[in-house]
């Protein structure tokens, strides 16, 4: 499993540093819009493209072993983002 060696949230970006030296920076808005929880995935599969509010920010980052649970300022906290999924969002 490819786990980031560093994970930080600053301003409106989540920064992941990978063991191979690659750095991934993802905006909080992009992360919220790409939430992998079942409710958000179902909405995307049904063709409903929900956009995240421009003011949404990360409030908490909770490591879960195989990924990370992200808690957003709009109260959404159901998605656990696997490391491979986060790397693929880059």
Protein backbone atom coordinates (compact mmCIF):
# COMPACT_ATOMS: atom_id res chain seq x y z
CA UNK A 1 0.00 0.00 0.00
CA UNK A 2 1.32 3.41 -0.94
CA UNK A 3 0.79 5.62 2.13
CA UNK A 4 1.83 9.29 2.05
CA UNK A 5 4.86 10.20 4.12
CA UNK A 6 3.30 13.59 4.96
CA UNK A 7 -0.25 14.93 4.93
CA UNK A 8 -1.12 18.58 5.59
CA UNK A 9 -4.02 20.91 5.06
CA UNK A 10 -3.25 24.60 4.62
CA UNK A 11 -5.49 27.38 3.34
CA UNK A 12 -7.73 25.59 0.84
CA UNK A 13 -5.41 22.71 -0.19
CA UNK A 14 -4.64 19.23 1.07
CA UNK A 15 -0.99 18.37 0.40
CA UNK A 16 0.15 14.76 0.27
CA UNK A 17 3.81 13.85 -0.04
CA UNK A 18 4.41 10.32 -1.29
CA UNK A 19 7.42 8.09 -0.54
CA UNK A 20 8.50 8.23 -4.22
CA UNK A 21 8.84 12.03 -4.00
CA UNK A 22 5.62 12.89 -5.82
CA UNK A 23 3.54 15.66 -4.24
CA UNK A 24 -0.22 15.86 -4.69
CA UNK A 25 -2.14 19.04 -3.90
CA UNK A 26 -5.92 18.88 -3.98
CA UNK A 27 -8.30 21.73 -3.24
CA UNK A 28 -10.83 21.23 -0.48
CA UNK A 29 -13.58 21.94 -3.05
CA UNK A 30 -12.28 19.21 -5.37
CA UNK A 31 -12.08 16.74 -2.50
CA UNK A 32 -15.62 17.49 -1.35
CA UNK A 33 -16.97 17.16 -4.90
CA UNK A 34 -15.17 13.81 -5.33
CA UNK A 35 -16.39 12.30 -2.05
CA UNK A 36 -16.36 8.50 -2.33
CA UNK A 37 -19.20 7.85 0.16
CA UNK A 38 -22.12 5.78 -1.12
CA UNK A 39 -24.54 8.72 -1.19
CA UNK A 40 -22.22 10.94 -3.24
CA UNK A 41 -21.25 8.08 -5.58
CA UNK A 42 -24.91 7.22 -6.18
CA UNK A 43 -25.65 10.85 -7.05
CA UNK A 44 -22.80 10.91 -9.58
CA UNK A 45 -23.94 7.58 -11.12
CA UNK A 46 -27.44 9.01 -11.53
CA UNK A 47 -25.99 11.93 -13.46
CA UNK A 48 -26.46 14.45 -10.71
CA UNK A 49 -23.25 16.39 -10.59
CA UNK A 50 -23.21 18.10 -7.24
CA UNK A 51 -20.72 20.89 -6.89
CA UNK A 52 -19.22 21.80 -3.57
CA UNK A 53 -19.76 25.27 -2.16
CA UNK A 54 -16.82 27.55 -2.95
CA UNK A 55 -16.32 28.25 0.76
CA UNK A 56 -16.11 24.59 1.87
CA UNK A 57 -12.98 23.77 3.88
CA UNK A 58 -11.54 20.77 5.68
CA UNK A 59 -12.23 20.79 9.42
CA UNK A 60 -10.61 17.49 10.37
CA UNK A 61 -8.44 14.75 8.92
CA UNK A 62 -8.87 11.34 10.55
CA UNK A 63 -6.47 8.58 9.41
CA UNK A 64 -8.19 5.22 8.87
CA UNK A 65 -5.26 2.96 7.98
CA UNK A 66 -6.06 2.37 4.30
CA UNK A 67 -7.04 6.00 3.78
CA UNK A 68 -8.36 9.06 5.51
CA UNK A 69 -11.75 10.36 6.63
CA UNK A 70 -12.16 14.02 5.72
CA UNK A 71 -14.59 16.20 7.67
CA UNK A 72 -15.79 19.28 5.80
CA UNK A 73 -17.14 22.62 6.98
CA UNK A 74 -20.55 21.83 5.43
CA UNK A 75 -20.86 18.95 7.91
CA UNK A 76 -20.17 16.16 5.40
CA UNK A 77 -18.02 13.45 6.98
CA UNK A 78 -19.16 10.10 5.54
CA UNK A 79 -16.45 9.54 2.94
CA UNK A 80 -13.27 7.64 3.59
CA UNK A 81 -10.76 8.42 0.87
CA UNK A 82 -8.41 5.48 0.18
CA UNK A 83 -4.80 6.50 -0.46
CA UNK A 84 -4.92 5.17 -4.02
CA UNK A 85 -8.08 7.20 -4.70
CA UNK A 86 -6.41 10.40 -3.46
CA UNK A 87 -3.36 9.77 -5.59
CA UNK A 88 -5.59 9.15 -8.60
CA UNK A 89 -7.38 12.48 -8.13
CA UNK A 90 -4.17 14.37 -8.90
